[in-house]
Each structure stands twice: as C-alpha cells, then as structure tokens.
Amino acid sequence: MEENIKRKLNEIEDYIDSADWELKSAQDELYKIYDLIEESSKNSIKDIDNFKRELKRDGLYSEKLEEFIEQYMIYYNK
C-alpha cells in the first residue's frame, strides 16, 4: 500500500513539474509576442497625413508614391 502511495505521489510530482515547464514555456512565448508587438508599434507610421507632409517638405513626394502609399494602406496597414 505504501509503495502505491509513493508511486502516485511521484506521478503527481512529475505532472506538476511538466505543467510548470509548459507554463514557463508559454510565458516565454507571450513575452516574445509582446516584444514583437512593441517593436512593430515603434516602427509604424501613426499619422499618415503628417508622413505625407514630411515627404512633400523633403521633396520626396510624387504621384507614384501616393499610389503606393494608398495601396499599402489598403492591403498591409490593418
């Protein structure tokens, strides 16, 4: 009987250790995702009108660029 209890306790301990490892692994993945979101947010253009004004001010704006920006906003900036 005592041997059966020890075996069950070992099984439970193994299960808890495995679950702990899985939770830590999931937490690491969440941190990676948060880092990617933060990095993406830092690199994105928040005010497209201001972006266009800056391009015009720097002499970089053109009709072709306007078309590209519009297409980009439709398909990639969700």
Protein backbone atom coordinates (compact mmCIF):
# COMPACT_ATOMS: atom_id res chain seq x y z
CA MET A 1 0.00 0.00 0.00
CA GLU A 2 2.75 2.44 0.95
CA GLU A 3 4.58 1.71 -2.32
CA ASN A 4 1.42 2.51 -4.27
CA ILE A 5 1.09 5.88 -2.49
CA LYS A 6 4.75 6.74 -3.22
CA ARG A 7 4.26 5.88 -6.89
CA LYS A 8 1.15 8.06 -7.10
CA LEU A 9 2.94 10.95 -5.37
CA ASN A 10 5.83 10.64 -7.86
CA GLU A 11 3.37 10.68 -10.76
CA ILE A 12 1.72 13.81 -9.38
CA GLU A 13 5.09 15.48 -8.85
CA ASP A 14 6.12 14.64 -12.43
CA TYR A 15 2.84 16.02 -13.70
CA ILE A 16 3.29 19.27 -11.76
CA ASP A 17 6.89 19.64 -12.97
CA SER A 18 5.76 19.10 -16.55
CA ALA A 19 2.91 21.59 -16.19
CA ASP A 20 5.29 24.13 -14.64
CA TRP A 21 7.68 23.75 -17.57
CA GLU A 22 4.82 24.17 -20.06
CA LEU A 23 3.59 27.31 -18.30
CA LYS A 24 7.08 28.83 -18.31
CA SER A 25 7.44 27.99 -21.98
CA ALA A 26 4.07 29.60 -22.77
CA GLN A 27 5.06 32.66 -20.74
CA ASP A 28 8.29 32.99 -22.73
CA GLU A 29 6.29 32.84 -25.96
CA LEU A 30 3.94 35.55 -24.68
CA TYR A 31 6.90 37.79 -23.86
CA LYS A 32 8.25 37.26 -27.38
CA ILE A 33 4.90 38.22 -28.87
CA TYR A 34 4.67 41.33 -26.69
CA ASP A 35 8.18 42.31 -27.79
CA LEU A 36 7.21 41.88 -31.45
CA ILE A 37 4.08 43.99 -30.98
CA GLU A 38 6.05 46.71 -29.22
CA GLU A 39 8.73 46.73 -31.92
CA SER A 40 6.10 46.84 -34.65
CA SER A 41 4.34 49.72 -32.93
CA LYS A 42 7.58 51.69 -32.68
CA ASN A 43 8.28 51.23 -36.39
CA SER A 44 4.82 52.05 -37.69
CA ILE A 45 3.61 55.36 -39.05
CA LYS A 46 0.89 56.64 -36.79
CA ASP A 47 -0.17 59.76 -38.72
CA ILE A 48 -0.23 59.16 -42.48
CA ASP A 49 -1.10 62.79 -43.26
CA ASN A 50 1.90 64.01 -41.30
CA PHE A 51 4.04 61.43 -43.09
CA LYS A 52 2.88 62.77 -46.46
CA ARG A 53 3.54 66.38 -45.37
CA GLU A 54 7.08 65.45 -44.32
CA LEU A 55 7.69 63.72 -47.65
CA LYS A 56 6.45 66.82 -49.51
CA ARG A 57 8.59 69.08 -47.35
CA ASP A 58 11.66 66.97 -48.12
CA GLY A 59 10.83 66.90 -51.85
CA LEU A 60 10.28 63.16 -51.88
CA TYR A 61 6.56 63.06 -52.63
CA SER A 62 5.23 62.05 -56.06
CA GLU A 63 2.06 60.72 -57.65
CA LYS A 64 3.65 57.27 -57.91
CA LEU A 65 4.50 57.35 -54.21
CA GLU A 66 0.94 58.49 -53.42
CA GLU A 67 -0.42 55.45 -55.30
CA PHE A 68 1.98 53.16 -53.47
CA ILE A 69 1.02 54.58 -50.07
CA GLU A 70 -2.69 54.19 -50.81
CA GLN A 71 -2.23 50.57 -51.91
CA TYR A 72 -0.06 49.83 -48.91
CA MET A 73 -2.63 51.28 -46.53
CA ILE A 74 -5.36 49.14 -48.11
CA TYR A 75 -3.50 45.84 -48.03
CA TYR A 76 -0.84 45.95 -45.34
CA ASN A 77 -1.71 48.50 -42.69
CA LYS A 78 -4.53 46.68 -40.94
